[in-house]
C-alpha cells in the first residue's frame, strides 16, 4: 500500500475551488484500489515478495518518468540531486516504504492478509505515538486514551497469537516512519515527483535483486505465461494510479474527510482475507480487532471535535476582523 496520510499536495484543501464531491470520489477510489491489493498480490503467485517488490519499484519508475516527460517536469530531479538533505530524506522515505511493501506482499502471499490489515488499522495510533516520541507533540486527553486502548489491543492480540503480531507492528511502524520522513520533506515535491524520486533511489537495488532472483532460478516473469508477465508489468500502474487519485482527493477535501476515508482500505483488506482468501479468523481475534476499532473511534471523535473547534475559532476571528 502507498502512503495514505503523508502526501503533501501543493494546493491546500481549504483553498481549492474544485468541488469537494469530486475529491471524495477520488479518495474513495484510491482507498478502494488499495483495499483490493491482497487480490492483486495473491494473483502474482508463485512470484516471491522480493521479485514482486522489485518489479513494483522498476515499473513504477517507468510509469512516473513517462508521465513527467509528457508534462516536461523532469527537471525536479536535478534540483533534488543538488539538495543533499532532501535527497537523504527521500532515500530514507524510499527505504521505509520499500520495507512496508516487502512485508505486506510477503504477508499476503503467505496467507497473513488479516494480520496485515491489522497493521493499517494500527497505523493512525502509531503515527500519533511517533509524534509524541520523536516530535515531542502534546496529546489531548482523548488521544492518550486512544493510544492506551490501542496498546491494550496489541497486548491482547499478542496473547491470542502466542507471539507479538510482528507483521502488523512492522507495517504500522514502517508506514508511520515513512509518513514522518514525508513530513520532513514537506510540500516541496508533488505526489508524482515524490514517488518518482523514491522509486529512482530504490531502482538500482531492485535491479540487483531481480538479477539475483534470476541467477538462483526463482524468477517467474517469463516462465508462467503471458498473463503473469502482464500482471507484473502492471505493478507500476497499480502503484501510481491510487496515489495520484489520493493526491487529487487531498487537494479537494478537508484532512478530516481523508482521515475518515482511510479506514476503507484495512476494512476491505480484512474482508478480502476472510471472505475471498479463506483465512481463519477466530472469535478471540475478532475481539482484538474490536478493541483496536474502539481506539480508532476515539481518535476519530477527537479529530472531528478538534476540527469543529478550529473552524469555529476561524469564523470567530473572521467576524472580529470584519
Protein backbone atom coordinates (compact mmCIF):
# COMPACT_ATOMS: atom_id res chain seq x y z
CA UNK A 1 0.00 0.00 0.00
CA UNK A 2 1.21 3.52 -0.76
CA UNK A 3 1.13 6.47 1.54
CA UNK A 4 -2.31 7.49 2.55
CA UNK A 5 -1.66 10.10 5.19
CA UNK A 6 1.55 11.71 4.20
CA UNK A 7 1.28 13.15 0.70
CA UNK A 8 1.52 16.91 0.82
CA UNK A 9 -0.13 18.39 -2.26
CA UNK A 10 0.82 21.95 -3.12
CA UNK A 11 -2.80 23.05 -3.04
CA UNK A 12 -4.39 23.10 0.37
CA UNK A 13 -7.89 21.67 0.74
CA UNK A 14 -9.25 24.85 2.20
CA UNK A 15 -8.09 26.97 -0.72
CA UNK A 16 -9.14 24.71 -3.57
CA UNK A 17 -12.02 25.88 -5.69
CA UNK A 18 -12.75 22.42 -7.03
CA UNK A 19 -15.97 20.86 -5.73
CA UNK A 20 -15.32 18.62 -2.75
CA UNK A 21 -17.70 15.98 -4.09
CA UNK A 22 -15.17 15.04 -6.77
CA UNK A 23 -12.46 14.91 -4.13
CA UNK A 24 -14.41 12.46 -2.00
CA UNK A 25 -14.94 10.27 -5.06
CA UNK A 26 -11.22 10.34 -5.91
CA UNK A 27 -10.38 9.42 -2.33
CA UNK A 28 -12.89 6.60 -2.27
CA UNK A 29 -11.45 5.16 -5.50
CA UNK A 30 -7.89 5.39 -4.16
CA UNK A 31 -8.73 3.55 -0.95
CA UNK A 32 -10.86 1.05 -2.87
CA UNK A 33 -7.87 0.14 -5.07
CA UNK A 34 -5.55 -0.12 -2.07
CA UNK A 35 -8.14 -2.29 -0.34
CA UNK A 36 -8.13 -4.71 -3.27
CA UNK A 37 -4.32 -5.09 -3.23
CA UNK A 38 -4.47 -8.50 -1.47
CA UNK A 39 -6.26 -9.94 -4.50
CA UNK A 40 -3.69 -8.48 -6.88
CA UNK A 41 -0.64 -9.69 -4.95
CA UNK A 42 -2.22 -13.09 -4.39
CA UNK A 43 -2.71 -13.36 -8.16
CA UNK A 44 1.05 -12.84 -8.65
CA UNK A 45 1.91 -16.23 -7.14
CA UNK A 46 4.27 -18.05 -7.49
CA UNK A 47 6.38 -14.88 -7.59
CA UNK A 48 8.05 -14.23 -4.25
CA UNK A 49 7.89 -11.00 -2.28
CA UNK A 50 11.34 -9.79 -3.39
CA UNK A 51 10.60 -10.32 -7.08
CA UNK A 52 7.20 -8.61 -6.80
CA UNK A 53 8.70 -5.71 -4.86
CA UNK A 54 11.48 -5.23 -7.40
CA UNK A 55 9.10 -5.24 -10.36
CA UNK A 56 6.86 -2.82 -8.50
CA UNK A 57 9.73 -0.38 -7.98
CA UNK A 58 11.11 -0.60 -11.51
CA UNK A 59 7.79 -0.30 -13.35
CA UNK A 60 6.59 2.44 -11.02
CA UNK A 61 9.65 4.46 -12.01
CA UNK A 62 8.91 3.82 -15.70
CA UNK A 63 5.30 4.98 -15.34
CA UNK A 64 6.24 8.08 -13.34
CA UNK A 65 9.08 9.12 -15.67
CA UNK A 66 6.78 8.72 -18.68
CA UNK A 67 4.11 10.88 -17.03
CA UNK A 68 6.62 13.56 -16.04
CA UNK A 69 8.21 13.51 -19.50
CA UNK A 70 4.83 14.23 -21.07
CA UNK A 71 4.35 17.20 -18.74
CA UNK A 72 8.00 18.25 -19.16
CA UNK A 73 8.60 18.18 -15.44
CA UNK A 74 11.68 16.00 -15.09
CA UNK A 75 13.84 18.96 -14.12
CA UNK A 76 12.98 18.47 -10.44
CA UNK A 77 15.40 15.51 -10.37
CA UNK A 78 18.33 17.87 -10.94
CA UNK A 79 17.13 20.14 -8.15
CA UNK A 80 16.73 17.13 -5.86
CA UNK A 81 20.23 15.83 -6.68
CA UNK A 82 21.62 19.25 -5.76
CA UNK A 83 19.97 19.20 -2.33
CA UNK A 84 21.75 16.51 -0.24
CA UNK A 85 19.46 16.96 2.77
CA UNK A 86 16.27 16.49 0.77
CA UNK A 87 17.83 13.65 -1.21
CA UNK A 88 18.79 11.90 2.04
CA UNK A 89 15.27 12.29 3.43
CA UNK A 90 13.81 10.99 0.17
CA UNK A 91 16.14 7.98 0.27
CA UNK A 92 15.09 7.15 3.84
CA UNK A 93 11.43 7.55 2.87
CA UNK A 94 12.00 5.15 -0.02
CA UNK A 95 13.63 2.58 2.26
CA UNK A 96 10.77 2.80 4.76
CA UNK A 97 8.08 2.34 2.10
CA UNK A 98 10.09 -0.49 0.50
CA UNK A 99 10.16 -2.24 3.89
CA UNK A 100 6.42 -1.72 4.18
CA UNK A 101 5.77 -3.10 0.68
CA UNK A 102 8.01 -6.13 1.21
CA UNK A 103 6.37 -7.16 4.49
CA UNK A 104 2.89 -6.53 3.10
CA UNK A 105 3.46 -8.57 -0.07
CA UNK A 106 5.04 -11.41 1.92
CA UNK A 107 2.09 -11.35 4.33
CA UNK A 108 -0.46 -11.64 1.52
CA UNK A 109 1.26 -14.42 -0.41
CA UNK A 110 1.83 -16.45 2.76
CA UNK A 111 -1.76 -16.22 3.99
CA UNK A 112 -1.46 -13.44 6.59
CA UNK A 113 -3.64 -10.78 4.95
CA UNK A 114 -5.72 -10.35 8.12
CA UNK A 115 -2.63 -9.59 10.19
CA UNK A 116 -1.51 -7.13 7.50
CA UNK A 117 -4.90 -5.39 7.66
CA UNK A 118 -4.43 -5.00 11.41
CA UNK A 119 -1.19 -3.12 10.73
CA UNK A 120 -3.06 -0.46 8.77
CA UNK A 121 -5.72 -0.22 11.47
CA UNK A 122 -2.92 0.40 13.97
CA UNK A 123 -1.13 2.92 11.76
CA UNK A 124 -3.02 6.07 12.92
CA UNK A 125 -2.32 5.15 16.55
CA UNK A 126 1.36 4.51 15.86
CA UNK A 127 1.58 7.80 13.96
CA UNK A 128 0.22 9.64 16.99
CA UNK A 129 2.68 7.80 19.25
CA UNK A 130 5.57 8.64 16.93
CA UNK A 131 4.60 12.29 17.13
CA UNK A 132 4.95 12.16 20.91
CA UNK A 133 8.24 10.25 20.98
CA UNK A 134 10.05 11.91 18.07
CA UNK A 135 8.44 15.33 17.66
CA UNK A 136 7.58 15.86 21.35
CA UNK A 137 3.99 16.67 20.41
CA UNK A 138 1.47 17.09 23.21
CA UNK A 139 -1.62 14.91 23.01
CA UNK A 140 -5.14 15.73 24.05
CA UNK A 141 -6.78 13.52 26.66
CA UNK A 142 -8.85 11.53 24.16
CA UNK A 143 -5.75 10.88 22.05
CA UNK A 144 -3.96 9.47 25.10
CA UNK A 145 -6.93 7.22 25.80
CA UNK A 146 -6.98 6.03 22.17
CA UNK A 147 -3.26 5.21 22.22
CA UNK A 148 -3.68 3.37 25.53
CA UNK A 149 -6.57 1.30 24.17
CA UNK A 150 -4.52 0.54 21.06
CA UNK A 151 -1.61 -0.68 23.20
CA UNK A 152 -4.03 -2.85 25.16
CA UNK A 153 -5.25 -4.35 21.88
CA UNK A 154 -1.68 -5.21 20.88
CA UNK A 155 -1.07 -6.98 24.20
CA UNK A 156 -4.34 -8.89 23.86
CA UNK A 157 -3.57 -9.96 20.29
CA UNK A 158 -0.02 -10.98 21.25
CA UNK A 159 -1.52 -13.31 23.86
CA UNK A 160 -4.04 -14.63 21.33
CA UNK A 161 -1.42 -15.22 18.63
CA UNK A 162 1.03 -16.67 21.14
CA UNK A 163 3.55 -14.12 19.87
CA UNK A 164 3.61 -10.38 19.14
CA UNK A 165 1.76 -9.56 15.88
CA UNK A 166 5.04 -8.75 14.16
CA UNK A 167 3.60 -8.28 10.69
CA UNK A 168 1.11 -5.71 11.97
CA UNK A 169 3.70 -3.93 14.10
CA UNK A 170 6.31 -3.70 11.32
CA UNK A 171 3.73 -2.48 8.81
CA UNK A 172 2.43 0.19 11.18
CA UNK A 173 5.92 1.33 12.24
CA UNK A 174 7.37 1.40 8.72
CA UNK A 175 4.39 3.31 7.34
CA UNK A 176 4.38 5.78 10.25
CA UNK A 177 8.14 6.30 9.76
CA UNK A 178 7.53 6.86 6.06
CA UNK A 179 4.95 9.50 6.98
CA UNK A 180 7.43 11.14 9.34
CA UNK A 181 10.04 11.41 6.59
CA UNK A 182 7.45 12.78 4.18
CA UNK A 183 6.63 15.45 6.75
CA UNK A 184 10.33 16.33 6.92
CA UNK A 185 10.42 16.66 3.13
CA UNK A 186 7.33 18.87 3.24
CA UNK A 187 5.36 20.07 0.21
CA UNK A 188 8.37 20.77 -1.99
CA UNK A 189 7.53 17.76 -4.17
CA UNK A 190 4.20 16.82 -5.70
CA UNK A 191 2.84 13.30 -5.23
CA UNK A 192 4.18 12.02 -8.56
CA UNK A 193 7.54 13.76 -8.10
CA UNK A 194 7.92 12.21 -4.68
CA UNK A 195 7.03 8.73 -5.94
CA UNK A 196 9.44 9.17 -8.86
CA UNK A 197 12.29 10.18 -6.58
CA UNK A 198 11.67 7.33 -4.13
CA UNK A 199 11.47 4.83 -6.97
CA UNK A 200 14.64 6.22 -8.56
CA UNK A 201 16.76 5.76 -5.44
CA UNK A 202 15.42 2.22 -4.99
CA UNK A 203 15.64 1.07 -8.62
CA UNK A 204 19.37 0.12 -8.58
CA UNK A 205 18.67 -2.12 -5.58
CA UNK A 206 15.57 -3.55 -7.29
CA UNK A 207 17.52 -4.37 -10.45
CA UNK A 208 20.19 -6.08 -8.36
CA UNK A 209 17.52 -8.15 -6.61
CA UNK A 210 15.99 -9.18 -9.95
CA UNK A 211 19.42 -10.29 -11.18
CA UNK A 212 19.96 -12.38 -8.05
CA UNK A 213 16.46 -13.87 -8.29
CA UNK A 214 17.14 -14.77 -11.92
CA UNK A 215 20.53 -16.31 -11.17
CA UNK A 216 19.05 -18.50 -8.44
CA UNK A 217 16.36 -19.78 -10.81
CA UNK A 218 13.48 -18.28 -8.84
CA UNK A 219 12.36 -15.67 -11.37
CA UNK A 220 8.78 -16.10 -12.62
CA UNK A 221 8.46 -13.20 -15.07
CA UNK A 222 8.92 -15.19 -18.27
CA UNK A 223 8.09 -18.74 -17.28
CA UNK A 224 4.47 -18.62 -16.14
CA UNK A 225 2.51 -17.37 -19.12
CA UNK A 226 1.74 -14.01 -20.66
CA UNK A 227 -0.93 -13.22 -18.07
CA UNK A 228 1.55 -13.47 -15.22
CA UNK A 229 4.04 -11.27 -17.06
CA UNK A 230 1.38 -8.63 -17.74
CA UNK A 231 0.36 -8.61 -14.08
CA UNK A 232 3.96 -7.94 -13.03
CA UNK A 233 4.28 -5.22 -15.68
CA UNK A 234 1.12 -3.58 -14.33
CA UNK A 235 2.73 -3.15 -10.90
CA UNK A 236 3.79 0.38 -11.79
CA UNK A 237 0.31 1.44 -12.87
CA UNK A 238 -1.26 -0.24 -9.83
CA UNK A 239 1.12 1.70 -7.58
CA UNK A 240 0.90 5.11 -9.26
CA UNK A 241 -2.82 5.41 -10.04
CA UNK A 242 -4.24 5.24 -6.48
CA UNK A 243 -1.53 7.59 -5.22
CA UNK A 244 -2.46 10.19 -7.84
CA UNK A 245 -6.15 9.73 -7.03
CA UNK A 246 -5.34 10.28 -3.38
CA UNK A 247 -3.37 13.44 -4.19
CA UNK A 248 -6.35 14.75 -6.17
CA UNK A 249 -8.62 13.98 -3.21
CA UNK A 250 -6.31 15.57 -0.63
CA UNK A 251 -6.29 18.85 -2.59
CA UNK A 252 -10.08 18.99 -2.67
CA UNK A 253 -11.42 17.83 0.69
CA UNK A 254 -10.50 18.52 4.34
CA UNK A 255 -7.99 16.24 6.02
CA UNK A 256 -10.72 15.07 8.40
CA UNK A 257 -12.54 13.58 5.40
CA UNK A 258 -9.32 11.89 4.27
CA UNK A 259 -8.91 10.53 7.79
CA UNK A 260 -12.38 9.02 7.69
CA UNK A 261 -11.91 7.53 4.22
CA UNK A 262 -8.59 5.88 5.11
CA UNK A 263 -10.33 3.14 7.10
CA UNK A 264 -11.86 1.81 3.87
CA UNK A 265 -8.55 0.17 2.96
CA UNK A 266 -7.91 -2.05 6.02
CA UNK A 267 -11.61 -2.96 6.20
CA UNK A 268 -11.51 -4.19 2.60
CA UNK A 269 -8.20 -5.96 3.22
CA UNK A 270 -9.72 -7.73 6.20
CA UNK A 271 -12.76 -8.76 4.15
CA UNK A 272 -10.51 -9.99 1.32
CA UNK A 273 -8.54 -12.13 3.74
CA UNK A 274 -11.55 -13.66 5.48
CA UNK A 275 -14.10 -13.92 2.66
CA UNK A 276 -12.03 -14.37 -0.50
CA UNK A 277 -8.67 -15.79 0.58
CA UNK A 278 -10.13 -18.19 3.17
CA UNK A 279 -8.03 -17.02 6.11
CA UNK A 280 -9.26 -18.21 9.50
CA UNK A 281 -10.46 -15.55 11.93
CA UNK A 282 -11.37 -16.97 15.36
CA UNK A 283 -13.71 -15.10 17.69
CA UNK A 284 -10.87 -14.19 20.05
CA UNK A 285 -9.16 -12.34 17.20
CA UNK A 286 -12.36 -10.51 16.28
CA UNK A 287 -12.41 -9.27 19.89
CA UNK A 288 -8.84 -8.00 19.50
CA UNK A 289 -9.77 -6.17 16.30
CA UNK A 290 -12.80 -4.77 18.12
CA UNK A 291 -10.55 -3.23 20.77
CA UNK A 292 -8.49 -1.61 18.01
CA UNK A 293 -11.66 -0.23 16.43
CA UNK A 294 -12.68 1.31 19.76
CA UNK A 295 -9.33 3.11 19.82
CA UNK A 296 -9.87 4.33 16.27
CA UNK A 297 -13.38 5.56 17.10
CA UNK A 298 -11.96 7.57 20.00
CA UNK A 299 -9.24 9.00 17.75
CA UNK A 300 -11.82 9.90 15.10
CA UNK A 301 -14.09 11.61 17.64
CA UNK A 302 -11.12 13.63 18.88
CA UNK A 303 -10.19 14.60 15.31
CA UNK A 304 -13.74 15.67 14.45
CA UNK A 305 -14.03 17.65 17.69
CA UNK A 306 -10.72 19.43 17.12
CA UNK A 307 -11.64 20.21 13.51
CA UNK A 308 -15.02 21.64 14.52
CA UNK A 309 -13.38 23.76 17.22
CA UNK A 310 -10.80 25.07 14.76
CA UNK A 311 -13.48 26.05 12.25
CA UNK A 312 -15.44 27.89 14.95
CA UNK A 313 -12.34 29.79 16.05
CA UNK A 314 -11.57 30.69 12.43
CA UNK A 315 -15.12 32.01 11.90
CA UNK A 316 -14.94 33.97 15.14
CA UNK A 317 -11.64 35.53 14.04
CA UNK A 318 -13.14 36.48 10.68
CA UNK A 319 -16.15 38.09 12.39
CA UNK A 320 -13.87 40.06 14.69
CA UNK A 321 -11.82 41.23 11.71
CA UNK A 322 -14.98 42.47 9.99
